[in-house]
C-alpha atoms as a PDB file:
ATOM      1  CA  MET A   1      95.414 117.147 -23.438  1.00  0.00           C
ATOM      2  CA  ASN A   2      95.851 119.563 -26.172  1.00  0.00           C
ATOM      3  CA  PRO A   3      92.717 120.741 -27.031  1.00  0.00           C
ATOM      4  CA  VAL A   4      93.420 119.520 -31.242  1.00  0.00           C
ATOM      5  CA  THR A   5      93.465 116.521 -29.823  1.00  0.00           C
ATOM      6  CA  LEU A   6      89.977 116.140 -28.228  1.00  0.00           C
ATOM      7  CA  LEU A   7      88.137 118.021 -31.975  1.00  0.00           C
ATOM      8  CA  PRO A   8      88.018 115.414 -33.826  1.00  0.00           C
ATOM      9  CA  PHE A   9      86.480 113.517 -31.106  1.00  0.00           C
ATOM     10  CA  ILE A  10      83.877 116.179 -30.176  1.00  0.00           C
ATOM     11  CA  VAL A  11      83.152 116.242 -34.160  1.00  0.00           C
ATOM     12  CA  LEU A  12      82.192 112.523 -34.070  1.00  0.00           C
ATOM     13  CA  ILE A  13      79.901 113.518 -30.834  1.00  0.00           C
ATOM     14  CA  GLY A  14      78.202 116.370 -31.945  1.00  0.00           C
ATOM     15  CA  ALA A  15      77.312 114.147 -35.616  1.00  0.00           C
ATOM     16  CA  MET A  16      76.092 111.156 -34.018  1.00  0.00           C
ATOM     17  CA  PHE A  17      74.007 114.067 -31.942  1.00  0.00           C
ATOM     18  CA  LEU A  18      72.829 115.409 -35.186  1.00  0.00           C
ATOM     19  CA  MET A  19      71.995 111.981 -37.040  1.00  0.00           C
ATOM     20  CA  THR A  20      70.103 110.550 -33.533  1.00  0.00           C
ATOM     21  CA  ARG A  21      68.309 113.746 -33.640  1.00  0.00           C
ATOM     22  CA  SER A  22      67.448 113.738 -37.337  1.00  0.00           C
ATOM     23  CA  ALA A  23      66.281 110.071 -37.165  1.00  0.00           C
ATOM     24  CA  LYS A  24      64.241 110.550 -34.006  1.00  0.00           C
ATOM     25  CA  LYS A  25      62.702 113.779 -35.891  1.00  0.00           C
ATOM     26  CA  LYS A  26      61.527 111.233 -38.659  1.00  0.00           C
ATOM     27  CA  GLN A  27      60.347 108.102 -36.134  1.00  0.00           C
ATOM     28  CA  ALA A  28      58.276 110.808 -34.191  1.00  0.00           C
ATOM     29  CA  ALA A  29      56.295 111.683 -37.245  1.00  0.00           C
ATOM     30  CA  ALA A  30      55.771 108.085 -38.734  1.00  0.00           C
ATOM     31  CA  VAL A  31      53.673 107.543 -35.195  1.00  0.00           C
ATOM     32  CA  ALA A  32      52.326 110.741 -35.119  1.00  0.00           C
ATOM     33  CA  MET A  33      51.144 109.549 -38.803  1.00  0.00           C
ATOM     34  CA  ARG A  34      49.964 106.661 -38.188  1.00  0.00           C
ATOM     35  CA  ASN A  35      47.800 108.042 -34.982  1.00  0.00           C
ATOM     36  CA  ASP A  36      46.472 110.260 -36.973  1.00  0.00           C
ATOM     37  CA  MET A  37      44.260 107.930 -38.997  1.00  0.00           C
ATOM     38  CA  GLN A  38      41.171 107.140 -39.018  1.00  0.00           C
ATOM     39  CA  PRO A  39      38.896 104.352 -39.884  1.00  0.00           C
ATOM     40  CA  GLY A  40      37.382 104.880 -44.218  1.00  0.00           C
ATOM     41  CA  THR A  41      41.564 106.674 -44.861  1.00  0.00           C
ATOM     42  CA  GLY A  42      43.138 105.598 -47.635  1.00  0.00           C
ATOM     43  CA  VAL A  43      46.666 103.827 -46.418  1.00  0.00           C
ATOM     44  CA  ARG A  44      49.720 102.402 -48.206  1.00  0.00           C
ATOM     45  CA  THR A  45      52.015  99.740 -46.238  1.00  0.00           C
ATOM     46  CA  ILE A  46      55.210  99.664 -45.950  1.00  0.00           C
ATOM     47  CA  GLY A  47      54.992  96.528 -48.689  1.00  0.00           C
ATOM     48  CA  GLY A  48      53.361  98.742 -51.213  1.00  0.00           C
ATOM     49  CA  MET A  49      49.611  97.668 -50.596  1.00  0.00           C
ATOM     50  CA  TYR A  50      46.634 100.607 -51.078  1.00  0.00           C
ATOM     51  CA  ALA A  51      43.721  99.668 -48.857  1.00  0.00           C
ATOM     52  CA  THR A  52      41.318 101.684 -46.671  1.00  0.00           C
ATOM     53  CA  VAL A  53      41.331 101.520 -43.117  1.00  0.00           C
ATOM     54  CA  LYS A  54      38.154  99.665 -41.514  1.00  0.00           C
ATOM     55  CA  GLU A  55      39.039  99.627 -37.379  1.00  0.00           C
ATOM     56  CA  LEU A  56      42.254 100.869 -35.502  1.00  0.00           C
ATOM     57  CA  HIS A  57      43.349  99.151 -32.326  1.00  0.00           C
ATOM     58  CA  ASP A  58      45.698  99.730 -30.213  1.00  0.00           C
ATOM     59  CA  ASP A  59      48.534  98.159 -31.922  1.00  0.00           C
ATOM     60  CA  THR A  60      46.707  96.776 -34.960  1.00  0.00           C
ATOM     61  CA  VAL A  61      44.865  97.973 -38.146  1.00  0.00           C
ATOM     62  CA  LEU A  62      41.701  96.806 -39.983  1.00  0.00           C
ATOM     63  CA  LEU A  63      42.547  96.985 -43.670  1.00  0.00           C
ATOM     64  CA  GLU A  64      40.187  96.607 -46.393  1.00  0.00           C
ATOM     65  CA  VAL A  65      42.221  95.250 -49.450  1.00  0.00           C
ATOM     66  CA  ALA A  66      40.043  94.899 -51.572  1.00  0.00           C
ATOM     67  CA  PRO A  67      35.477  94.682 -51.333  1.00  0.00           C
ATOM     68  CA  GLY A  68      34.809  92.501 -49.030  1.00  0.00           C
ATOM     69  CA  VAL A  69      38.806  91.283 -48.404  1.00  0.00           C
ATOM     70  CA  HIS A  70      39.594  92.749 -44.924  1.00  0.00           C
ATOM     71  CA  ALA A  71      42.737  92.088 -43.596  1.00  0.00           C
ATOM     72  CA  VAL A  72      44.501  92.654 -40.217  1.00  0.00           C
ATOM     73  CA  TYR A  73      48.291  94.680 -40.124  1.00  0.00           C
ATOM     74  CA  ALA A  74      50.240  96.106 -37.859  1.00  0.00           C
ATOM     75  CA  LYS A  75      50.674 100.262 -37.147  1.00  0.00           C
ATOM     76  CA  ASN A  76      53.831  99.948 -38.015  1.00  0.00           C
ATOM     77  CA  ALA A  77      53.578  98.581 -41.525  1.00  0.00           C
ATOM     78  CA  ILE A  78      51.510 101.741 -42.384  1.00  0.00           C
ATOM     79  CA  GLY A  79      53.653 103.505 -44.612  1.00  0.00           C
ATOM     80  CA  ALA A  80      51.932 106.450 -45.617  1.00  0.00           C
ATOM     81  CA  VAL A  81      48.607 107.695 -45.081  1.00  0.00           C
ATOM     82  CA  LEU A  82      47.181 109.119 -48.065  1.00  0.00           C
ATOM     83  CA  ASP A  83      44.651 111.999 -49.053  1.00  0.00           C
ATOM     84  CA  ASP A  84      41.468 111.140 -50.189  1.00  0.00           C
ATOM     85  CA  ALA A  85      42.345 112.466 -53.928  1.00  0.00           C
ATOM     86  CA  GLU A  86      46.184 110.514 -54.192  1.00  0.00           C
ATOM     87  CA  TYR A  87      44.000 107.897 -52.883  1.00  0.00           C
ATOM     88  CA  ASN A  88      41.254 107.930 -55.602  1.00  0.00           C
ATOM     89  CA  ARG A  89      43.923 108.658 -58.591  1.00  0.00           C
ATOM     90  CA  ILE A  90      46.377 105.676 -57.563  1.00  0.00           C
ATOM     91  CA  VAL A  91      43.251 102.740 -56.888  1.00  0.00           C
ATOM     92  CA  HIS A  92      40.690 104.467 -59.073  1.00  0.00           C
ATOM     93  CA  GLY A  93      42.058 106.128 -61.398  1.00  0.00           C
ATOM     94  CA  ASP A  94      40.572 109.375 -61.147  1.00  0.00           C
ATOM     95  CA  GLU A  95      42.222 111.860 -63.006  1.00  0.00           C
ATOM     96  CA  ASP A  96      39.385 114.487 -62.736  1.00  0.00           C
ATOM     97  CA  GLU A  97      41.591 116.861 -60.625  1.00  0.00           C
ATOM     98  CA  LEU A  98      44.603 116.843 -62.977  1.00  0.00           C
ATOM     99  CA  ASP A  99      45.691 120.123 -63.627  1.00  0.00           C
ATOM    100  CA  VAL A 100      46.747 120.644 -67.416  1.00  0.00           C
ATOM    101  CA  ASP A 101      48.137 124.047 -68.225  1.00  0.00           C
ATOM    102  CA  GLY A 102      49.386 123.502 -71.483  1.00  0.00           C
ATOM    103  CA  ALA A 103      49.312 121.279 -74.937  1.00  0.00           C
ATOM    104  CA  VAL A 104      47.979 117.127 -73.944  1.00  0.00           C
ATOM    105  CA  VAL A 105      50.969 115.261 -75.956  1.00  0.00           C
ATOM    106  CA  PRO A 106      49.476 112.344 -78.144  1.00  0.00           C
ATOM    107  CA  ASP A 107      49.951 109.067 -76.855  1.00  0.00           C
ATOM    108  CA  ASP A 108      51.089 107.869 -80.336  1.00  0.00           C
ATOM    109  CA  ALA A 109      53.718 109.465 -82.197  1.00  0.00           C
ATOM    110  CA  SER A 110      51.816 108.705 -85.347  1.00  0.00           C
ATOM    111  CA  SER A 111      49.495 112.163 -85.103  1.00  0.00           C
ATOM    112  CA  LEU A 112      52.511 114.358 -85.036  1.00  0.00           C
ATOM    113  CA  THR A 113      53.477 113.332 -88.486  1.00  0.00           C
ATOM    114  CA  GLU A 114      50.262 112.756 -90.978  1.00  0.00           C
ATOM    115  CA  ALA A 115      49.300 116.001 -92.188  1.00  0.00           C
ATOM    116  CA  ASP A 116      45.071 116.922 -91.119  1.00  0.00           C
ATOM    117  CA  ASP A 117      44.324 117.119 -95.334  1.00  0.00           C
ATOM    118  CA  ALA A 118      46.617 113.914 -96.262  1.00  0.00           C
ATOM    119  CA  PRO A 119      45.459 110.752 -96.598  1.00  0.00           C
ATOM    120  CA  ALA A 120      45.698 108.153 -93.257  1.00  0.00           C
ATOM    121  CA  ASP A 121      48.800 105.688 -95.315  1.00  0.00           C
ATOM    122  CA  ALA A 122      50.776 108.561 -96.890  1.00  0.00           C
ATOM    123  CA  LYS A 123      54.061 108.388 -95.904  1.00  0.00           C
ATOM    124  CA  THR A 124      55.532 111.699 -94.996  1.00  0.00           C
ATOM    125  CA  ASP A 125      59.549 112.087 -96.442  1.00  0.00           C
ATOM    126  CA  LEU A 126      61.876 113.881 -93.586  1.00  0.00           C
ATOM    127  CA  VAL A 127      65.126 113.613 -95.818  1.00  0.00           C
ATOM    128  CA  LYS A 128      66.089 116.759 -96.845  1.00  0.00           C
ATOM    129  CA  LYS A 129      66.294 117.493-100.298  1.00  0.00           C
ATOM    130  CA  THR A 130      68.742 119.667-102.068  1.00  0.00           C
ATOM    131  CA  GLY A 131      67.922 121.251-105.888  1.00  0.00           C
ATOM    132  CA  SER A 132      70.328 118.520-107.248  1.00  0.00           C
ATOM    133  CA  ASP A 133      68.263 115.875-105.592  1.00  0.00           C
ATOM    134  CA  GLU A 134      64.874 117.290-106.970  1.00  0.00           C
ATOM    135  CA  VAL A 135      66.394 117.474-109.980  1.00  0.00           C
ATOM    136  CA  ASP A 136      67.909 113.412-109.930  1.00  0.00           C
ATOM    137  CA  ALA A 137      64.755 112.847-108.242  1.00  0.00           C
ATOM    138  CA  GLU A 138      62.651 113.942-111.290  1.00  0.00           C
ATOM    139  CA  GLU A 139      65.132 112.556-113.862  1.00  0.00           C
ATOM    140  CA  SER A 140      64.652 108.969-112.492  1.00  0.00           C
ATOM    141  CA  ASP A 141      61.037 108.778-113.064  1.00  0.00           C
ATOM    142  CA  GLY A 142      60.251 107.247-109.713  1.00  0.00           C
ATOM    143  CA  ARG A 143      63.836 104.963-109.178  1.00  0.00           C
ATOM    144  CA  ALA A 144      64.245 106.760-105.643  1.00  0.00           C
ATOM    145  CA  ASP A 145      66.307 103.501-105.150  1.00  0.00           C
ATOM    146  CA  GLU A 146      69.781 104.715-107.412  1.00  0.00           C
ATOM    147  CA  LYS A 147      72.562 106.670-105.341  1.00  0.00           C
ATOM    148  CA  PRO A 148      73.944 109.336-107.049  1.00  0.00           C
ATOM    149  CA  GLU A 149      77.464 109.513-108.872  1.00  0.00           C
ATOM    150  CA  GLY A 150      80.076 109.734-106.969  1.00  0.00           C
ATOM    151  CA  LYS A 151      81.810 107.418-103.937  1.00  0.00           C
ATOM    152  CA  ALA A 152      79.548 104.992-102.460  1.00  0.00           C
ATOM    153  CA  ASP A 153      79.384 104.049 -99.135  1.00  0.00           C
ATOM    154  CA  GLY A 154      81.635 101.214 -98.626  1.00  0.00           C
ATOM    155  CA  GLU A 155      84.556 103.081-100.479  1.00  0.00           C
ATOM    156  CA  PRO A 156      87.461 105.107 -99.148  1.00  0.00           C
ATOM    157  CA  ASP A 157      87.163 108.227 -97.910  1.00  0.00           C
ATOM    158  CA  ALA A 158      83.001 107.849 -98.247  1.00  0.00           C
ATOM    159  CA  LYS A 159      80.772 110.500 -96.150  1.00  0.00           C
END
């Protein structure tokens, strides 16, 4: 047989070998993670539920899903074992260990547009004014809704 004919089969077998090897590594890491669980450890199940390990058995684990509420799960149902800081951050909302190096962005954008000395109900004009707009505004005596002379919005060649 010609070696060129065998080359696709060799490549296919090699790819299958590499894929099964990586899958076995992932599976072994998951088994090691599940075997490293201890009572009191925070875990996330494959269904996304966060709980605390209370007891470990051969194939099952007793989880406390809420204070005083216990449930028995298969060890295979544990998706991740979490360290204490991450578990407390997710479940209890603890943000003590959050490192902020830069400026804190406010939740509300209104604090970014208000001036410190301006009253709370003052509106900020975000439209760029040209010299002719200022003259027109002074001449109109507060009539800001009037359009300057020229083509209206609906007319052809209007910009």
